[in-house]
């Protein structure tokens, strides 16, 4: 029997970049509605090539088929905060890799979503060599638990890693959760 696991963070007003207010009520307008305020990089989100000037493609122009593939989940929960994730951290996965597959990096960082450190640069991040490996091995999508694949407070690093991946046609999904619920590699 197939089991479905939602890997997205639940959007709620207490999250950075998310808020909503009552826009209409049944008592006053005859229906309930909310006005949503949503930062494009809050919760679970994708980065488009346009995000780092790697092309004109916006999120709505990324074909859904680019988001569907077999995915490998790599357990990296042993990594320290601020660690650079290297190709060697993938273990024997490179020997089993098939171009067009996706890579989900389980660092356990989604457990910190309600902590101030979740958005700071303390999270594990993608090394330049791993970003290059993803492009060379035609990774379809790269999913991470932190809010970014790179240190958002280091403009050079965050730009370089995003440009390598996005120019290389790797779909970036940031802010995953529940990767620990996936029982198979």
Protein backbone atom coordinates (compact mmCIF):
# COMPACT_ATOMS: atom_id res chain seq x y z
CA UNK A 1 0.00 0.00 0.00
CA UNK A 2 1.33 3.41 -0.97
CA UNK A 3 1.73 6.03 1.77
CA UNK A 4 1.87 9.76 1.05
CA UNK A 5 4.03 12.10 3.11
CA UNK A 6 3.64 15.87 2.93
CA UNK A 7 7.17 17.32 2.88
CA UNK A 8 6.01 20.95 3.08
CA UNK A 9 6.00 23.16 6.16
CA UNK A 10 2.55 24.28 7.29
CA UNK A 11 2.16 28.00 6.64
CA UNK A 12 1.09 29.84 9.79
CA UNK A 13 1.25 33.47 10.97
CA UNK A 14 4.03 32.73 13.48
CA UNK A 15 6.43 31.84 10.63
CA UNK A 16 8.83 34.42 9.24
CA UNK A 17 7.33 36.06 6.15
CA UNK A 18 3.76 34.83 6.70
CA UNK A 19 0.83 36.76 8.08
CA UNK A 20 -2.86 37.06 7.41
CA UNK A 21 -5.72 39.23 8.47
CA UNK A 22 -9.47 38.90 8.33
CA UNK A 23 -10.68 40.53 5.12
CA UNK A 24 -14.36 39.63 5.30
CA UNK A 25 -16.68 37.99 7.80
CA UNK A 26 -19.98 36.20 7.46
CA UNK A 27 -21.53 38.72 9.84
CA UNK A 28 -20.47 41.79 7.83
CA UNK A 29 -19.98 40.71 4.15
CA UNK A 30 -21.80 37.38 4.14
CA UNK A 31 -18.65 35.22 3.76
CA UNK A 32 -15.31 34.62 5.44
CA UNK A 33 -12.08 35.56 3.66
CA UNK A 34 -8.50 36.31 4.65
CA UNK A 35 -5.93 38.67 3.20
CA UNK A 36 -2.63 36.78 2.96
CA UNK A 37 0.80 38.39 3.27
CA UNK A 38 3.37 35.93 2.01
CA UNK A 39 7.08 36.40 1.42
CA UNK A 40 8.12 34.25 -1.57
CA UNK A 41 10.83 32.50 0.48
CA UNK A 42 8.79 31.58 3.53
CA UNK A 43 8.05 28.00 4.45
CA UNK A 44 8.67 25.38 1.77
CA UNK A 45 9.43 27.05 -1.54
CA UNK A 46 11.18 26.69 -4.89
CA UNK A 47 13.73 29.01 -6.43
CA UNK A 48 13.36 29.99 -10.06
CA UNK A 49 16.24 30.80 -12.43
CA UNK A 50 15.12 34.45 -12.37
CA UNK A 51 15.74 34.55 -8.60
CA UNK A 52 19.52 34.78 -9.17
CA UNK A 53 19.53 36.15 -12.72
CA UNK A 54 20.18 32.71 -14.25
CA UNK A 55 17.47 33.09 -16.87
CA UNK A 56 14.05 34.61 -17.30
CA UNK A 57 12.08 31.56 -16.11
CA UNK A 58 9.82 32.27 -13.12
CA UNK A 59 8.29 29.68 -10.79
CA UNK A 60 5.02 29.50 -12.74
CA UNK A 61 7.01 28.69 -15.89
CA UNK A 62 8.82 25.66 -14.45
CA UNK A 63 7.07 22.60 -15.90
CA UNK A 64 5.51 20.34 -13.28
CA UNK A 65 7.35 17.44 -14.93
CA UNK A 66 10.62 19.03 -13.73
CA UNK A 67 9.40 18.38 -10.17
CA UNK A 68 8.58 14.69 -10.59
CA UNK A 69 11.19 11.94 -10.39
CA UNK A 70 12.58 9.17 -8.26
CA UNK A 71 14.33 10.75 -5.28
CA UNK A 72 17.13 9.59 -3.03
CA UNK A 73 16.98 10.59 0.65
CA UNK A 74 20.38 11.02 2.28
CA UNK A 75 20.54 11.00 6.08
CA UNK A 76 22.84 13.84 7.13
CA UNK A 77 21.47 14.33 10.63
CA UNK A 78 24.97 13.75 12.04
CA UNK A 79 26.26 16.99 10.49
CA UNK A 80 27.13 19.91 12.74
CA UNK A 81 25.48 23.33 12.30
CA UNK A 82 27.14 25.43 9.57
CA UNK A 83 28.62 22.29 7.97
CA UNK A 84 29.34 22.33 4.25
CA UNK A 85 27.67 19.29 2.68
CA UNK A 86 30.21 17.61 0.41
CA UNK A 87 29.93 14.87 -2.24
CA UNK A 88 31.62 12.50 0.23
CA UNK A 89 28.65 12.97 2.58
CA UNK A 90 26.46 11.18 0.02
CA UNK A 91 28.20 7.89 0.91
CA UNK A 92 27.85 5.26 -1.83
CA UNK A 93 24.96 7.09 -3.54
CA UNK A 94 27.13 8.43 -6.41
CA UNK A 95 27.81 4.83 -7.48
CA UNK A 96 24.05 4.15 -7.72
CA UNK A 97 23.05 7.47 -9.25
CA UNK A 98 21.02 7.72 -12.46
CA UNK A 99 20.74 11.09 -14.26
CA UNK A 100 17.29 12.64 -13.87
CA UNK A 101 16.78 11.50 -10.29
CA UNK A 102 16.30 13.92 -7.40
CA UNK A 103 18.18 14.34 -4.15
CA UNK A 104 16.60 15.09 -0.75
CA UNK A 105 19.06 15.99 2.00
CA UNK A 106 17.75 15.08 5.47
CA UNK A 107 19.68 17.21 7.96
CA UNK A 108 17.00 17.36 10.65
CA UNK A 109 17.06 21.14 10.30
CA UNK A 110 13.26 21.38 9.92
CA UNK A 111 13.03 20.66 13.67
CA UNK A 112 14.37 24.22 14.16
CA UNK A 113 11.67 25.97 12.11
CA UNK A 114 10.34 27.76 15.19
CA UNK A 115 13.82 28.75 16.42
CA UNK A 116 15.54 32.00 15.45
CA UNK A 117 18.55 29.94 14.25
CA UNK A 118 16.44 28.32 11.52
CA UNK A 119 16.78 31.45 9.36
CA UNK A 120 20.28 32.37 10.42
CA UNK A 121 23.40 31.01 8.81
CA UNK A 122 23.78 28.15 11.34
CA UNK A 123 22.21 25.54 9.06
CA UNK A 124 24.13 22.94 7.01
CA UNK A 125 24.56 24.11 3.43
CA UNK A 126 25.61 22.89 -0.01
CA UNK A 127 29.29 23.07 -0.90
CA UNK A 128 30.40 24.32 -4.30
CA UNK A 129 31.70 20.84 -5.16
CA UNK A 130 28.33 19.25 -4.33
CA UNK A 131 26.52 21.90 -6.40
CA UNK A 132 28.83 21.11 -9.35
CA UNK A 133 28.27 17.36 -8.81
CA UNK A 134 24.49 17.93 -8.96
CA UNK A 135 24.81 19.71 -12.30
CA UNK A 136 27.28 17.19 -13.78
CA UNK A 137 25.08 14.26 -12.71
CA UNK A 138 21.84 15.87 -13.93
CA UNK A 139 20.05 16.06 -10.59
CA UNK A 140 16.48 16.97 -11.46
CA UNK A 141 15.61 18.53 -8.09
CA UNK A 142 17.60 19.21 -4.95
CA UNK A 143 15.54 19.41 -1.76
CA UNK A 144 16.88 20.67 1.57
CA UNK A 145 15.35 21.27 4.99
CA UNK A 146 16.93 24.67 5.75
CA UNK A 147 15.43 27.82 4.21
CA UNK A 148 18.29 27.99 1.70
CA UNK A 149 20.94 25.83 0.03
CA UNK A 150 23.59 28.40 1.09
CA UNK A 151 24.39 30.95 3.77
CA UNK A 152 21.95 33.80 3.14
CA UNK A 153 24.19 36.19 5.08
CA UNK A 154 27.12 35.54 2.74
CA UNK A 155 26.13 37.16 -0.56
CA UNK A 156 29.06 35.64 -2.46
CA UNK A 157 28.27 32.09 -1.28
CA UNK A 158 24.50 32.26 -1.67
CA UNK A 159 24.85 33.74 -5.16
CA UNK A 160 27.51 31.26 -6.31
CA UNK A 161 25.66 28.13 -5.12
CA UNK A 162 22.31 29.25 -6.51
CA UNK A 163 23.83 30.25 -9.84
CA UNK A 164 25.63 26.91 -10.23
CA UNK A 165 22.45 24.94 -9.53
CA UNK A 166 19.96 27.15 -11.39
CA UNK A 167 22.18 27.62 -14.45
CA UNK A 168 22.65 23.84 -14.44
CA UNK A 169 18.86 23.33 -14.58
CA UNK A 170 18.59 21.87 -11.06
CA UNK A 171 15.24 22.65 -9.45
CA UNK A 172 15.89 23.94 -5.92
CA UNK A 173 13.31 23.24 -3.20
CA UNK A 174 14.08 24.71 0.22
CA UNK A 175 12.32 24.26 3.56
CA UNK A 176 11.35 20.59 3.39
CA UNK A 177 10.13 18.77 6.50
CA UNK A 178 9.26 15.22 7.58
CA UNK A 179 12.09 13.64 5.60
CA UNK A 180 12.54 11.38 8.64
CA UNK A 181 9.16 9.83 7.77
CA UNK A 182 10.56 8.32 4.57
CA UNK A 183 11.70 4.83 5.50
CA UNK A 184 13.56 3.86 2.31
CA UNK A 185 16.66 5.39 0.74
